[in-house]
Amino acid sequence: MKVAHDIILKPLITEKSTNLMSENKYSFVVRKDANKIDIKRAVEELFSVKVSDVNTMRVKGKFRRFGVHRGYRPGWKKAIVTLQEGSKPIEIFE
């Protein structure tokens, strides 16, 4: 069984994700091999909230150049978690 701290790597803090917080939606960077059920259990365990929906997406790495060296940044997986109505908000900025 996977540990919750290993599944949720870090919260994703962007302008768009900050605007989604008003709709009870929170974004996290998660492990590539985590599925929606694992992510839901991890968020409920870490933050003591009830999750109603989990949306995931794989983000491809961007092409980067540094002088003559070329390559791609690593890809990652993003999860947008929707909390149930009446659930307390997650305190990311502590």
C-alpha atoms as a PDB file:
ATOM      1  CA  MET A   1       0.000   0.000   0.000  1.00  0.00           C
ATOM      2  CA  LYS A   2       1.246   3.458  -0.866  1.00  0.00           C
ATOM      3  CA  VAL A   3       1.774   6.115   1.810  1.00  0.00           C
ATOM      4  CA  ALA A   4      -0.177   9.375   1.422  1.00  0.00           C
ATOM      5  CA  HIS A   5       2.968  11.523   1.622  1.00  0.00           C
ATOM      6  CA  ASP A   6       4.477   9.564  -1.272  1.00  0.00           C
ATOM      7  CA  ILE A   7       1.451  10.067  -3.533  1.00  0.00           C
ATOM      8  CA  ILE A   8       0.909  13.819  -3.045  1.00  0.00           C
ATOM      9  CA  LEU A   9       4.254  15.434  -3.899  1.00  0.00           C
ATOM     10  CA  LYS A  10       3.370  19.130  -3.497  1.00  0.00           C
ATOM     11  CA  PRO A  11       0.508  21.580  -3.980  1.00  0.00           C
ATOM     12  CA  LEU A  12       0.403  23.368  -7.310  1.00  0.00           C
ATOM     13  CA  ILE A  13       0.306  27.127  -6.746  1.00  0.00           C
ATOM     14  CA  THR A  14      -0.486  29.058  -9.918  1.00  0.00           C
ATOM     15  CA  GLU A  15      -2.848  31.903 -10.737  1.00  0.00           C
ATOM     16  CA  LYS A  16      -5.386  29.509 -12.233  1.00  0.00           C
ATOM     17  CA  SER A  17      -5.231  27.065  -9.315  1.00  0.00           C
ATOM     18  CA  THR A  18      -5.627  29.939  -6.837  1.00  0.00           C
ATOM     19  CA  ASN A  19      -8.796  31.044  -8.652  1.00  0.00           C
ATOM     20  CA  LEU A  20     -10.127  27.458  -8.526  1.00  0.00           C
ATOM     21  CA  MET A  21      -9.823  27.431  -4.725  1.00  0.00           C
ATOM     22  CA  SER A  22     -12.949  29.600  -4.525  1.00  0.00           C
ATOM     23  CA  GLU A  23     -14.838  26.699  -6.160  1.00  0.00           C
ATOM     24  CA  ASN A  24     -13.466  24.137  -3.628  1.00  0.00           C
ATOM     25  CA  LYS A  25     -10.994  22.762  -6.206  1.00  0.00           C
ATOM     26  CA  TYR A  26      -7.348  22.210  -5.260  1.00  0.00           C
ATOM     27  CA  SER A  27      -4.425  21.260  -7.516  1.00  0.00           C
ATOM     28  CA  PHE A  28      -1.567  18.945  -6.577  1.00  0.00           C
ATOM     29  CA  VAL A  29       1.498  17.466  -8.256  1.00  0.00           C
ATOM     30  CA  VAL A  30       1.238  13.689  -7.786  1.00  0.00           C
ATOM     31  CA  ARG A  31       3.250  10.602  -8.650  1.00  0.00           C
ATOM     32  CA  LYS A  32       2.980   9.418 -12.239  1.00  0.00           C
ATOM     33  CA  ASP A  33       1.797   5.946 -11.220  1.00  0.00           C
ATOM     34  CA  ALA A  34      -0.917   7.188  -8.801  1.00  0.00           C
ATOM     35  CA  ASN A  35      -4.520   6.571  -9.815  1.00  0.00           C
ATOM     36  CA  LYS A  36      -7.631   8.533  -8.843  1.00  0.00           C
ATOM     37  CA  ILE A  37      -8.524   6.226  -5.963  1.00  0.00           C
ATOM     38  CA  ASP A  38      -5.042   6.560  -4.431  1.00  0.00           C
ATOM     39  CA  ILE A  39      -5.138  10.355  -4.805  1.00  0.00           C
ATOM     40  CA  LYS A  40      -8.580  10.584  -3.188  1.00  0.00           C
ATOM     41  CA  ARG A  41      -7.498   8.479  -0.198  1.00  0.00           C
ATOM     42  CA  ALA A  42      -4.274  10.451   0.218  1.00  0.00           C
ATOM     43  CA  VAL A  43      -5.991  13.866   0.213  1.00  0.00           C
ATOM     44  CA  GLU A  44      -8.662  12.679   2.644  1.00  0.00           C
ATOM     45  CA  GLU A  45      -6.000  11.261   4.966  1.00  0.00           C
ATOM     46  CA  LEU A  46      -3.603  14.225   4.842  1.00  0.00           C
ATOM     47  CA  PHE A  47      -6.093  17.092   5.107  1.00  0.00           C
ATOM     48  CA  SER A  48      -9.090  15.457   6.896  1.00  0.00           C
ATOM     49  CA  VAL A  49     -11.612  16.470   4.219  1.00  0.00           C
ATOM     50  CA  LYS A  50     -14.155  14.648   2.042  1.00  0.00           C
ATOM     51  CA  VAL A  51     -13.349  14.486  -1.681  1.00  0.00           C
ATOM     52  CA  SER A  52     -16.167  14.317  -4.217  1.00  0.00           C
ATOM     53  CA  ASP A  53     -14.218  14.252  -7.500  1.00  0.00           C
ATOM     54  CA  VAL A  54     -10.665  13.806  -8.798  1.00  0.00           C
ATOM     55  CA  ASN A  55      -9.493  14.854 -12.272  1.00  0.00           C
ATOM     56  CA  THR A  56      -5.992  13.913 -13.440  1.00  0.00           C
ATOM     57  CA  MET A  57      -3.836  14.875 -16.378  1.00  0.00           C
ATOM     58  CA  ARG A  58      -0.310  14.139 -17.576  1.00  0.00           C
ATOM     59  CA  VAL A  59       1.754  17.196 -18.427  1.00  0.00           C
ATOM     60  CA  LYS A  60       4.447  16.702 -21.062  1.00  0.00           C
ATOM     61  CA  GLY A  61       7.895  18.149 -20.455  1.00  0.00           C
ATOM     62  CA  LYS A  62       8.838  21.271 -22.395  1.00  0.00           C
ATOM     63  CA  PHE A  63      11.695  21.432 -24.877  1.00  0.00           C
ATOM     64  CA  ARG A  64      14.655  23.406 -23.517  1.00  0.00           C
ATOM     65  CA  ARG A  65      18.010  24.504 -24.931  1.00  0.00           C
ATOM     66  CA  PHE A  66      21.117  25.556 -23.076  1.00  0.00           C
ATOM     67  CA  GLY A  67      23.790  26.471 -25.586  1.00  0.00           C
ATOM     68  CA  VAL A  68      24.436  23.438 -27.768  1.00  0.00           C
ATOM     69  CA  HIS A  69      22.673  21.090 -25.343  1.00  0.00           C
ATOM     70  CA  ARG A  70      19.057  20.251 -26.066  1.00  0.00           C
ATOM     71  CA  GLY A  71      16.525  18.190 -24.245  1.00  0.00           C
ATOM     72  CA  TYR A  72      13.161  18.016 -22.533  1.00  0.00           C
ATOM     73  CA  ARG A  73      12.168  18.885 -19.006  1.00  0.00           C
ATOM     74  CA  PRO A  74      10.660  15.919 -17.164  1.00  0.00           C
ATOM     75  CA  GLY A  75       6.940  15.295 -17.497  1.00  0.00           C
ATOM     76  CA  TRP A  76       4.665  15.165 -14.437  1.00  0.00           C
ATOM     77  CA  LYS A  77       1.129  14.368 -13.373  1.00  0.00           C
ATOM     78  CA  LYS A  78      -1.381  16.895 -12.058  1.00  0.00           C
ATOM     79  CA  ALA A  79      -4.520  16.205 -10.020  1.00  0.00           C
ATOM     80  CA  ILE A  80      -7.403  18.625  -9.474  1.00  0.00           C
ATOM     81  CA  VAL A  81      -9.375  17.570  -6.403  1.00  0.00           C
ATOM     82  CA  THR A  82     -12.931  18.802  -5.782  1.00  0.00           C
ATOM     83  CA  LEU A  83     -14.113  18.819  -2.173  1.00  0.00           C
ATOM     84  CA  GLN A  84     -17.667  18.013  -1.114  1.00  0.00           C
ATOM     85  CA  GLU A  85     -20.077  20.839  -0.289  1.00  0.00           C
ATOM     86  CA  GLY A  86     -19.752  21.952   3.317  1.00  0.00           C
ATOM     87  CA  SER A  87     -16.244  20.548   3.676  1.00  0.00           C
ATOM     88  CA  LYS A  88     -13.677  22.773   5.344  1.00  0.00           C
ATOM     89  CA  PRO A  89     -11.137  24.416   3.000  1.00  0.00           C
ATOM     90  CA  ILE A  90      -7.577  23.113   2.788  1.00  0.00           C
ATOM     91  CA  GLU A  91      -5.022  25.497   4.297  1.00  0.00           C
ATOM     92  CA  ILE A  92      -2.175  25.525   1.775  1.00  0.00           C
ATOM     93  CA  PHE A  93      -0.765  28.938   2.726  1.00  0.00           C
ATOM     94  CA  GLU A  94       0.221  28.349   6.385  1.00  0.00           C
END
